[in-house]
Amino acid sequence: MTLIGLAHLTLLQLSPPEVVSTAAAAGYDFVGVRVNAATVGESQYPMGPGSPMSRETLRRLDDTGLHVRDIEFLTLRPDTGPSYWRPALDAGAALGARTVSVVGADPDRRRLTDTLAALTADAEAVGIRPTVEPISYQPVRTVTEAAEIASAAGAAVLLDALHIQRGGSSIDDVRALAPHLVPCLQLCDGPLAAPRHLGLPAELPLGMTADGSVLQIEARVQRQLIGDGELPLAELIAAAPAGTPLSIEVPHAALQSQLTPLEYARRNLRGLREVLAAVNAHA
């Protein structure tokens, strides 16, 4: 059975304990938790080991049987060092996380690889593996680039359906990856072609600024529900190693304003299960 998780960005307005409860009620198997704010202005959840919120998250995990598979989000810049990532790793280790999402924001590939290798060493010491996510508006934007850097540093790759499409990667690039490099696949939907212009919602989500690029706006607030767009999701799932856990990451500001978090989580899960049924039918 393929495990299905709920990424925190899908319902970023919820605290980690609330994400766990909502995911459990909707029928998910695991969650991703944001223990480090990804953007300027985004709320930093107090998830240090032993904090009230961390303890409450653990209690709800125990009560529901869910687990935290990944934590996020670390941005590796030219000046990034251990003082930046160690608090996040400690918070994740307390939750039993297995991976930590990383974006390569340093254009110097050699320095970025060295930074990632240092992070990987610290992360392995607490049972966590960094996963480099190629992001279409960052220096590391393709699956191949992320795989090269991750392999050199002993890390893995986090595949995201939208960024694969927008960053210029292909299903063949995914199929070419060594299975040990792919611990998880993040799914959403969207049009095949990148939008030329996107209007922002009246109320911006946490950490979103009005001067973001079109690609950033789409990724942060206007992804489409699985099954509502044109992305080759069935082909992507089939190209990933068999049994790869699937994480739903679908921030959709307009629809989220119309549904409760539980309704929104259930609707996303229903869409993915329909895609999985089609994949299994053609296996």
C-alpha atoms as a PDB file:
ATOM      1  CA  MET A   1       0.000   0.000   0.000  1.00  0.00           C
ATOM      2  CA  THR A   2       1.286   3.446  -0.932  1.00  0.00           C
ATOM      3  CA  LEU A   3       1.496   5.761   2.078  1.00  0.00           C
ATOM      4  CA  ILE A   4      -0.069   9.197   1.596  1.00  0.00           C
ATOM      5  CA  GLY A   5       0.863  12.235   3.657  1.00  0.00           C
ATOM      6  CA  LEU A   6      -0.239  15.828   4.117  1.00  0.00           C
ATOM      7  CA  ALA A   7       2.453  18.473   3.624  1.00  0.00           C
ATOM      8  CA  HIS A   8       2.227  21.406   6.030  1.00  0.00           C
ATOM      9  CA  LEU A   9       2.187  23.987   3.216  1.00  0.00           C
ATOM     10  CA  THR A  10      -1.214  22.631   2.181  1.00  0.00           C
ATOM     11  CA  LEU A  11      -2.677  24.000   5.424  1.00  0.00           C
ATOM     12  CA  LEU A  12       0.022  26.351   6.660  1.00  0.00           C
ATOM     13  CA  GLN A  13      -2.482  28.303   8.749  1.00  0.00           C
ATOM     14  CA  LEU A  14      -2.724  25.294  11.065  1.00  0.00           C
ATOM     15  CA  SER A  15      -0.211  24.654  13.834  1.00  0.00           C
ATOM     16  CA  PRO A  16       1.655  21.317  13.788  1.00  0.00           C
ATOM     17  CA  PRO A  17      -0.716  19.684  16.323  1.00  0.00           C
ATOM     18  CA  GLU A  18      -3.695  20.855  14.273  1.00  0.00           C
ATOM     19  CA  VAL A  19      -2.141  19.457  11.099  1.00  0.00           C
ATOM     20  CA  VAL A  20      -1.804  16.060  12.766  1.00  0.00           C
ATOM     21  CA  SER A  21      -5.420  16.003  13.948  1.00  0.00           C
ATOM     22  CA  THR A  22      -6.764  17.195  10.598  1.00  0.00           C
ATOM     23  CA  ALA A  23      -4.699  14.699   8.616  1.00  0.00           C
ATOM     24  CA  ALA A  24      -5.782  11.850  10.862  1.00  0.00           C
ATOM     25  CA  ALA A  25      -9.461  12.767  10.602  1.00  0.00           C
ATOM     26  CA  ALA A  26      -9.171  12.972   6.804  1.00  0.00           C
ATOM     27  CA  GLY A  27      -7.498   9.552   6.503  1.00  0.00           C
ATOM     28  CA  TYR A  28      -3.843  10.330   5.808  1.00  0.00           C
ATOM     29  CA  ASP A  29      -0.940   8.109   6.889  1.00  0.00           C
ATOM     30  CA  PHE A  30       1.683  10.731   7.779  1.00  0.00           C
ATOM     31  CA  VAL A  31       2.342  14.458   7.918  1.00  0.00           C
ATOM     32  CA  GLY A  32       5.055  16.929   7.090  1.00  0.00           C
ATOM     33  CA  VAL A  33       5.726  19.598   9.692  1.00  0.00           C
ATOM     34  CA  ARG A  34       7.234  23.047   9.239  1.00  0.00           C
ATOM     35  CA  VAL A  35       9.648  23.558  12.121  1.00  0.00           C
ATOM     36  CA  ASN A  36      11.558  26.411  10.475  1.00  0.00           C
ATOM     37  CA  ALA A  37       9.944  29.429   8.821  1.00  0.00           C
ATOM     38  CA  ALA A  38      10.669  29.374   5.090  1.00  0.00           C
ATOM     39  CA  THR A  39      10.092  33.033   4.243  1.00  0.00           C
ATOM     40  CA  VAL A  40      10.468  36.447   5.834  1.00  0.00           C
ATOM     41  CA  GLY A  41       7.355  37.283   7.812  1.00  0.00           C
ATOM     42  CA  GLU A  42       6.193  33.703   8.147  1.00  0.00           C
ATOM     43  CA  SER A  43       5.256  32.639  11.654  1.00  0.00           C
ATOM     44  CA  GLN A  44       7.835  30.493  13.422  1.00  0.00           C
ATOM     45  CA  TYR A  45       6.061  27.707  15.262  1.00  0.00           C
ATOM     46  CA  PRO A  46       7.712  27.103  18.675  1.00  0.00           C
ATOM     47  CA  MET A  47       8.675  23.491  17.976  1.00  0.00           C
ATOM     48  CA  GLY A  48      11.887  23.151  19.966  1.00  0.00           C
ATOM     49  CA  PRO A  49      12.311  19.801  21.744  1.00  0.00           C
ATOM     50  CA  GLY A  50      10.263  19.745  24.934  1.00  0.00           C
ATOM     51  CA  SER A  51       8.243  22.853  24.059  1.00  0.00           C
ATOM     52  CA  PRO A  52       4.492  22.738  24.766  1.00  0.00           C
ATOM     53  CA  MET A  53       3.704  22.646  21.041  1.00  0.00           C
ATOM     54  CA  SER A  54       6.210  19.868  20.374  1.00  0.00           C
ATOM     55  CA  ARG A  55       4.820  17.810  23.253  1.00  0.00           C
ATOM     56  CA  GLU A  56       1.255  18.356  22.047  1.00  0.00           C
ATOM     57  CA  THR A  57       2.235  17.314  18.531  1.00  0.00           C
ATOM     58  CA  LEU A  58       3.770  14.117  19.896  1.00  0.00           C
ATOM     59  CA  ARG A  59       0.671  13.419  21.953  1.00  0.00           C
ATOM     60  CA  ARG A  60      -1.568  13.717  18.917  1.00  0.00           C
ATOM     61  CA  LEU A  61       0.769  11.534  16.871  1.00  0.00           C
ATOM     62  CA  ASP A  62       0.531   8.866  19.558  1.00  0.00           C
ATOM     63  CA  ASP A  63      -3.252   9.208  19.736  1.00  0.00           C
ATOM     64  CA  THR A  64      -3.773   8.986  15.980  1.00  0.00           C
ATOM     65  CA  GLY A  65      -1.044   6.575  14.898  1.00  0.00           C
ATOM     66  CA  LEU A  66       0.311   9.013  12.326  1.00  0.00           C
ATOM     67  CA  HIS A  67       4.003   9.816  12.021  1.00  0.00           C
ATOM     68  CA  VAL A  68       6.063  12.802  10.928  1.00  0.00           C
ATOM     69  CA  ARG A  69       7.930  11.802   7.802  1.00  0.00           C
ATOM     70  CA  ASP A  70       9.548  15.105   6.889  1.00  0.00           C
ATOM     71  CA  ILE A  71      10.272  18.494   8.368  1.00  0.00           C
ATOM     72  CA  GLU A  72      10.857  21.724   6.519  1.00  0.00           C
ATOM     73  CA  PHE A  73      12.269  24.120   5.458  1.00  0.00           C
ATOM     74  CA  LEU A  74      15.996  24.874   5.178  1.00  0.00           C
ATOM     75  CA  THR A  75      17.371  27.346   2.632  1.00  0.00           C
ATOM     76  CA  LEU A  76      21.085  26.884   1.942  1.00  0.00           C
ATOM     77  CA  ARG A  77      22.579  30.270   1.124  1.00  0.00           C
ATOM     78  CA  PRO A  78      26.251  31.283   0.734  1.00  0.00           C
ATOM     79  CA  ASP A  79      26.558  32.045   4.460  1.00  0.00           C
ATOM     80  CA  THR A  80      24.453  29.183   5.853  1.00  0.00           C
ATOM     81  CA  GLY A  81      26.008  27.144   8.660  1.00  0.00           C
ATOM     82  CA  PRO A  82      25.255  24.784  11.562  1.00  0.00           C
ATOM     83  CA  SER A  83      23.775  27.471  13.808  1.00  0.00           C
ATOM     84  CA  TYR A  84      20.965  27.804  11.266  1.00  0.00           C
ATOM     85  CA  TRP A  85      20.068  24.159  10.762  1.00  0.00           C
ATOM     86  CA  ARG A  86      20.736  22.522  14.122  1.00  0.00           C
ATOM     87  CA  PRO A  87      17.616  23.883  15.877  1.00  0.00           C
ATOM     88  CA  ALA A  88      15.453  22.528  13.055  1.00  0.00           C
ATOM     89  CA  LEU A  89      17.194  19.155  13.178  1.00  0.00           C
ATOM     90  CA  ASP A  90      16.704  18.943  16.935  1.00  0.00           C
ATOM     91  CA  ALA A  91      13.022  19.803  16.548  1.00  0.00           C
ATOM     92  CA  GLY A  92      12.612  17.194  13.843  1.00  0.00           C
ATOM     93  CA  ALA A  93      14.470  14.509  15.751  1.00  0.00           C
ATOM     94  CA  ALA A  94      12.137  15.026  18.708  1.00  0.00           C
ATOM     95  CA  LEU A  95       9.222  14.273  16.365  1.00  0.00           C
ATOM     96  CA  GLY A  96      10.858  11.218  14.829  1.00  0.00           C
ATOM     97  CA  ALA A  97      11.225  12.831  11.395  1.00  0.00           C
ATOM     98  CA  ARG A  98      13.132  10.958   8.697  1.00  0.00           C
ATOM     99  CA  THR A  99      13.922  13.716   6.201  1.00  0.00           C
ATOM    100  CA  VAL A 100      14.344  17.493   6.071  1.00  0.00           C
ATOM    101  CA  SER A 101      13.472  19.536   2.980  1.00  0.00           C
ATOM    102  CA  VAL A 102      16.264  21.717   1.606  1.00  0.00           C
ATOM    103  CA  VAL A 103      16.468  24.284  -1.187  1.00  0.00           C
ATOM    104  CA  GLY A 104      19.760  25.241  -2.814  1.00  0.00           C
ATOM    105  CA  ALA A 105      19.811  29.054  -2.925  1.00  0.00           C
ATOM    106  CA  ASP A 106      23.588  29.373  -3.386  1.00  0.00           C
ATOM    107  CA  PRO A 107      24.620  29.730  -7.070  1.00  0.00           C
ATOM    108  CA  ASP A 108      28.147  28.480  -6.268  1.00  0.00           C
ATOM    109  CA  ARG A 109      27.713  24.721  -6.787  1.00  0.00           C
ATOM    110  CA  ARG A 110      30.915  23.676  -5.050  1.00  0.00           C
ATOM    111  CA  ARG A 111      30.176  25.754  -1.963  1.00  0.00           C
ATOM    112  CA  LEU A 112      26.547  24.584  -1.959  1.00  0.00           C
ATOM    113  CA  THR A 113      27.643  20.953  -2.123  1.00  0.00           C
ATOM    114  CA  ASP A 114      30.055  21.477   0.755  1.00  0.00           C
ATOM    115  CA  THR A 115      27.315  23.144   2.827  1.00  0.00           C
ATOM    116  CA  LEU A 116      24.906  20.312   2.067  1.00  0.00           C
ATOM    117  CA  ALA A 117      27.540  17.736   3.020  1.00  0.00           C
ATOM    118  CA  ALA A 118      28.026  19.445   6.385  1.00  0.00           C
ATOM    119  CA  LEU A 119      24.261  19.526   6.917  1.00  0.00           C
ATOM    120  CA  THR A 120      24.006  15.862   5.940  1.00  0.00           C
ATOM    121  CA  ALA A 121      26.610  14.875   8.513  1.00  0.00           C
ATOM    122  CA  ASP A 122      24.781  16.736  11.284  1.00  0.00           C
ATOM    123  CA  ALA A 123      21.405  15.403  10.141  1.00  0.00           C
ATOM    124  CA  GLU A 124      22.552  11.788  10.001  1.00  0.00           C
ATOM    125  CA  ALA A 125      23.696  12.065  13.602  1.00  0.00           C
ATOM    126  CA  VAL A 126      20.033  12.515  14.623  1.00  0.00           C
ATOM    127  CA  GLY A 127      18.539  10.062  12.133  1.00  0.00           C
ATOM    128  CA  ILE A 128      17.432  12.573   9.492  1.00  0.00           C
ATOM    129  CA  ARG A 129      18.329  12.757   5.803  1.00  0.00           C
ATOM    130  CA  PRO A 130      18.317  16.039   3.856  1.00  0.00           C
ATOM    131  CA  THR A 131      16.332  16.074   0.606  1.00  0.00           C
ATOM    132  CA  VAL A 132      17.210  18.704  -1.987  1.00  0.00           C
ATOM    133  CA  GLU A 133      14.107  20.053  -3.703  1.00  0.00           C
ATOM    134  CA  PRO A 134      14.643  21.515  -7.177  1.00  0.00           C
ATOM    135  CA  ILE A 135      12.569  24.696  -7.227  1.00  0.00           C
ATOM    136  CA  SER A 136      11.795  26.487 -10.467  1.00  0.00           C
ATOM    137  CA  TYR A 137      12.692  29.972  -9.219  1.00  0.00           C
ATOM    138  CA  GLN A 138      15.857  29.018  -7.300  1.00  0.00           C
ATOM    139  CA  PRO A 139      19.448  28.376  -8.496  1.00  0.00           C
ATOM    140  CA  VAL A 140      18.915  24.606  -8.247  1.00  0.00           C
ATOM    141  CA  ARG A 141      15.865  24.184 -10.444  1.00  0.00           C
ATOM    142  CA  THR A 142      16.099  20.839 -12.259  1.00  0.00           C
ATOM    143  CA  VAL A 143      15.906  17.237 -11.111  1.00  0.00           C
ATOM    144  CA  THR A 144      19.297  16.472 -12.655  1.00  0.00           C
ATOM    145  CA  GLU A 145      21.009  19.375 -10.877  1.00  0.00           C
ATOM    146  CA  ALA A 146      19.481  18.420  -7.541  1.00  0.00           C
ATOM    147  CA  ALA A 147      20.478  14.766  -8.000  1.00  0.00           C
ATOM    148  CA  GLU A 148      24.086  15.648  -8.795  1.00  0.00           C
ATOM    149  CA  ILE A 149      24.439  17.849  -5.718  1.00  0.00           C
ATOM    150  CA  ALA A 150      22.578  15.435  -3.452  1.00  0.00           C
ATOM    151  CA  SER A 151      24.633  12.450  -4.605  1.00  0.00           C
ATOM    152  CA  ALA A 152      27.902  14.277  -4.012  1.00  0.00           C
ATOM    153  CA  ALA A 153      26.827  15.283  -0.495  1.00  0.00           C
ATOM    154  CA  GLY A 154      25.203  12.011   0.565  1.00  0.00           C
ATOM    155  CA  ALA A 155      21.695  13.492   0.563  1.00  0.00           C
ATOM    156  CA  ALA A 156      18.528  12.687  -1.410  1.00  0.00           C
ATOM    157  CA  VAL A 157      16.117  14.505  -3.736  1.00  0.00           C
ATOM    158  CA  LEU A 158      12.596  15.750  -3.022  1.00  0.00           C
ATOM    159  CA  LEU A 159      10.517  15.626  -6.188  1.00  0.00           C
ATOM    160  CA  ASP A 160       7.649  18.100  -6.520  1.00  0.00           C
ATOM    161  CA  ALA A 161       5.251  17.737  -9.433  1.00  0.00           C
ATOM    162  CA  LEU A 162       4.848  21.467 -10.035  1.00  0.00           C
ATOM    163  CA  HIS A 163       8.545  22.316  -9.876  1.00  0.00           C
ATOM    164  CA  ILE A 164       9.419  19.400 -12.146  1.00  0.00           C
ATOM    165  CA  GLN A 165       7.122  20.909 -14.766  1.00  0.00           C
ATOM    166  CA  ARG A 166       8.080  24.550 -14.220  1.00  0.00           C
ATOM    167  CA  GLY A 167      11.821  23.899 -13.837  1.00  0.00           C
ATOM    168  CA  GLY A 168      12.166  22.208 -17.197  1.00  0.00           C
ATOM    169  CA  SER A 169      12.633  18.621 -16.009  1.00  0.00           C
ATOM    170  CA  SER A 170      10.936  15.573 -17.489  1.00  0.00           C
ATOM    171  CA  ILE A 171       9.455  12.239 -16.486  1.00  0.00           C
ATOM    172  CA  ASP A 172      12.543  10.619 -18.011  1.00  0.00           C
ATOM    173  CA  ASP A 173      14.724  12.629 -15.605  1.00  0.00           C
ATOM    174  CA  VAL A 174      12.736  11.176 -12.726  1.00  0.00           C
ATOM    175  CA  ARG A 175      12.889   7.660 -14.156  1.00  0.00           C
ATOM    176  CA  ALA A 176      16.691   7.937 -14.397  1.00  0.00           C
ATOM    177  CA  LEU A 177      17.166   8.559 -10.670  1.00  0.00           C
ATOM    178  CA  ALA A 178      18.615   5.845  -8.459  1.00  0.00           C
ATOM    179  CA  PRO A 179      15.828   4.569  -6.168  1.00  0.00           C
ATOM    180  CA  HIS A 180      17.728   5.453  -2.978  1.00  0.00           C
ATOM    181  CA  LEU A 181      17.638   9.116  -4.006  1.00  0.00           C
ATOM    182  CA  VAL A 182      13.823   9.301  -3.939  1.00  0.00           C
ATOM    183  CA  PRO A 183      12.357   8.952  -0.429  1.00  0.00           C
ATOM    184  CA  CYS A 184       9.156  10.876  -1.198  1.00  0.00           C
ATOM    185  CA  LEU A 185       7.144  12.500  -3.989  1.00  0.00           C
ATOM    186  CA  GLN A 186       5.155  15.729  -3.512  1.00  0.00           C
ATOM    187  CA  LEU A 187       2.026  16.064  -5.610  1.00  0.00           C
ATOM    188  CA  CYS A 188      -0.315  18.804  -6.725  1.00  0.00           C
ATOM    189  CA  ASP A 189      -1.829  19.760 -10.071  1.00  0.00           C
ATOM    190  CA  GLY A 190      -1.731  22.713 -12.422  1.00  0.00           C
ATOM    191  CA  PRO A 191      -1.714  23.719 -16.100  1.00  0.00           C
ATOM    192  CA  LEU A 192       1.075  22.401 -18.322  1.00  0.00           C
ATOM    193  CA  ALA A 193       2.175  25.913 -19.287  1.00  0.00           C
ATOM    194  CA  ALA A 194       3.324  28.373 -16.655  1.00  0.00           C
ATOM    195  CA  PRO A 195       0.892  31.261 -16.150  1.00  0.00           C
ATOM    196  CA  ARG A 196       2.008  34.649 -17.421  1.00  0.00           C
ATOM    197  CA  HIS A 197       0.170  36.544 -14.713  1.00  0.00           C
ATOM    198  CA  LEU A 198      -1.505  35.603 -11.466  1.00  0.00           C
ATOM    199  CA  GLY A 199      -3.590  37.787  -9.208  1.00  0.00           C
ATOM    200  CA  LEU A 200      -2.923  37.559  -5.498  1.00  0.00           C
ATOM    201  CA  PRO A 201      -5.706  36.796  -3.027  1.00  0.00           C
ATOM    202  CA  ALA A 202      -6.967  39.708  -0.947  1.00  0.00           C
ATOM    203  CA  GLU A 203      -5.439  38.189   2.179  1.00  0.00           C
ATOM    204  CA  LEU A 204      -1.934  36.873   1.610  1.00  0.00           C
ATOM    205  CA  PRO A 205      -0.994  33.608   3.317  1.00  0.00           C
ATOM    206  CA  LEU A 206       1.718  33.477   5.950  1.00  0.00           C
ATOM    207  CA  GLY A 207       5.088  34.513   4.576  1.00  0.00           C
ATOM    208  CA  MET A 208       3.827  35.508   1.128  1.00  0.00           C
ATOM    209  CA  THR A 209       4.778  38.940  -0.204  1.00  0.00           C
ATOM    210  CA  ALA A 210       3.135  40.905  -2.989  1.00  0.00           C
ATOM    211  CA  ASP A 211       6.371  41.171  -5.002  1.00  0.00           C
ATOM    212  CA  GLY A 212       6.856  37.438  -5.565  1.00  0.00           C
ATOM    213  CA  SER A 213       7.460  36.080  -9.060  1.00  0.00           C
ATOM    214  CA  VAL A 214       4.636  34.429 -10.976  1.00  0.00           C
ATOM    215  CA  LEU A 215       6.194  31.025 -10.338  1.00  0.00           C
ATOM    216  CA  GLN A 216       6.445  31.713  -6.616  1.00  0.00           C
ATOM    217  CA  ILE A 217       2.875  32.960  -6.409  1.00  0.00           C
ATOM    218  CA  GLU A 218       1.608  29.865  -8.197  1.00  0.00           C
ATOM    219  CA  ALA A 219       3.657  27.539  -5.989  1.00  0.00           C
ATOM    220  CA  ARG A 220       2.655  29.217  -2.734  1.00  0.00           C
ATOM    221  CA  VAL A 221      -1.036  30.054  -3.223  1.00  0.00           C
ATOM    222  CA  GLN A 222      -2.460  28.849  -6.550  1.00  0.00           C
ATOM    223  CA  ARG A 223      -1.681  25.195  -7.068  1.00  0.00           C
ATOM    224  CA  GLN A 224      -4.585  23.129  -8.343  1.00  0.00           C
ATOM    225  CA  LEU A 225      -6.187  20.128  -6.701  1.00  0.00           C
ATOM    226  CA  ILE A 226      -4.951  16.766  -7.915  1.00  0.00           C
ATOM    227  CA  GLY A 227      -7.047  15.796 -10.904  1.00  0.00           C
ATOM    228  CA  ASP A 228      -8.138  19.360 -11.686  1.00  0.00           C
ATOM    229  CA  GLY A 229      -5.136  20.252 -13.843  1.00  0.00           C
ATOM    230  CA  GLU A 230      -2.976  18.929 -16.667  1.00  0.00           C
ATOM    231  CA  LEU A 231       0.201  17.723 -14.968  1.00  0.00           C
ATOM    232  CA  PRO A 232       1.167  14.119 -15.867  1.00  0.00           C
ATOM    233  CA  LEU A 233       0.706  12.855 -12.318  1.00  0.00           C
ATOM    234  CA  ALA A 234      -0.015   9.223 -13.172  1.00  0.00           C
ATOM    235  CA  GLU A 235       3.115   9.061 -15.311  1.00  0.00           C
ATOM    236  CA  LEU A 236       5.154  10.752 -12.576  1.00  0.00           C
ATOM    237  CA  ILE A 237       3.996   8.281  -9.927  1.00  0.00           C
ATOM    238  CA  ALA A 238       4.743   5.374 -12.255  1.00  0.00           C
ATOM    239  CA  ALA A 239       8.239   6.754 -12.952  1.00  0.00           C
ATOM    240  CA  ALA A 240       9.141   6.980  -9.253  1.00  0.00           C
ATOM    241  CA  PRO A 241      10.410   3.888  -7.418  1.00  0.00           C
ATOM    242  CA  ALA A 242       7.598   1.477  -6.569  1.00  0.00           C
ATOM    243  CA  GLY A 243       6.024   2.210  -3.201  1.00  0.00           C
ATOM    244  CA  THR A 244       7.425   5.746  -2.898  1.00  0.00           C
ATOM    245  CA  PRO A 245       5.403   7.625  -0.248  1.00  0.00           C
ATOM    246  CA  LEU A 246       3.286  10.435  -1.684  1.00  0.00           C
ATOM    247  CA  SER A 247       2.838  13.791   0.023  1.00  0.00           C
ATOM    248  CA  ILE A 248       0.046  16.164  -0.968  1.00  0.00           C
ATOM    249  CA  GLU A 249       1.237  19.779  -1.184  1.00  0.00           C
ATOM    250  CA  VAL A 250      -1.594  21.885  -2.553  1.00  0.00           C
ATOM    251  CA  PRO A 251      -1.856  25.462  -1.271  1.00  0.00           C
ATOM    252  CA  HIS A 252      -4.900  26.927  -3.056  1.00  0.00           C
ATOM    253  CA  ALA A 253      -5.874  30.176  -1.365  1.00  0.00           C
ATOM    254  CA  ALA A 254      -9.222  30.695  -3.081  1.00  0.00           C
ATOM    255  CA  LEU A 255     -10.550  27.218  -2.386  1.00  0.00           C
ATOM    256  CA  GLN A 256      -9.149  27.161   1.140  1.00  0.00           C
ATOM    257  CA  SER A 257     -11.199  30.260   1.927  1.00  0.00           C
ATOM    258  CA  GLN A 258     -14.372  28.351   1.022  1.00  0.00           C
ATOM    259  CA  LEU A 259     -13.750  25.056   2.843  1.00  0.00           C
ATOM    260  CA  THR A 260     -12.860  24.017   6.363  1.00  0.00           C
ATOM    261  CA  PRO A 261      -9.357  22.569   6.768  1.00  0.00           C
ATOM    262  CA  LEU A 262     -10.835  19.091   7.157  1.00  0.00           C
ATOM    263  CA  GLU A 263     -12.982  19.425   4.040  1.00  0.00           C
ATOM    264  CA  TYR A 264      -9.985  20.699   2.099  1.00  0.00           C
ATOM    265  CA  ALA A 265      -7.747  17.858   3.318  1.00  0.00           C
ATOM    266  CA  ARG A 266     -10.369  15.264   2.402  1.00  0.00           C
ATOM    267  CA  ARG A 267     -10.914  16.729  -1.055  1.00  0.00           C
ATOM    268  CA  ASN A 268      -7.183  16.579  -1.790  1.00  0.00           C
ATOM    269  CA  LEU A 269      -6.923  13.000  -0.595  1.00  0.00           C
ATOM    270  CA  ARG A 270      -9.885  11.922  -2.708  1.00  0.00           C
ATOM    271  CA  GLY A 271      -8.243  13.361  -5.832  1.00  0.00           C
ATOM    272  CA  LEU A 272      -4.982  11.524  -5.244  1.00  0.00           C
ATOM    273  CA  ARG A 273      -6.727   8.228  -4.576  1.00  0.00           C
ATOM    274  CA  GLU A 274      -8.493   8.539  -7.922  1.00  0.00           C
ATOM    275  CA  VAL A 275      -5.146   9.053  -9.667  1.00  0.00           C
ATOM    276  CA  LEU A 276      -3.652   6.086  -7.824  1.00  0.00           C
ATOM    277  CA  ALA A 277      -6.566   3.911  -8.895  1.00  0.00           C
ATOM    278  CA  ALA A 278      -5.802   4.800 -12.515  1.00  0.00           C
ATOM    279  CA  VAL A 279      -2.095   4.049 -12.035  1.00  0.00           C
ATOM    280  CA  ASN A 280      -2.833   0.672 -10.488  1.00  0.00           C
ATOM    281  CA  ALA A 281      -5.296  -0.180 -13.230  1.00  0.00           C
ATOM    282  CA  HIS A 282      -2.576   0.221 -15.848  1.00  0.00           C
ATOM    283  CA  ALA A 283       0.231  -1.417 -13.841  1.00  0.00           C
END
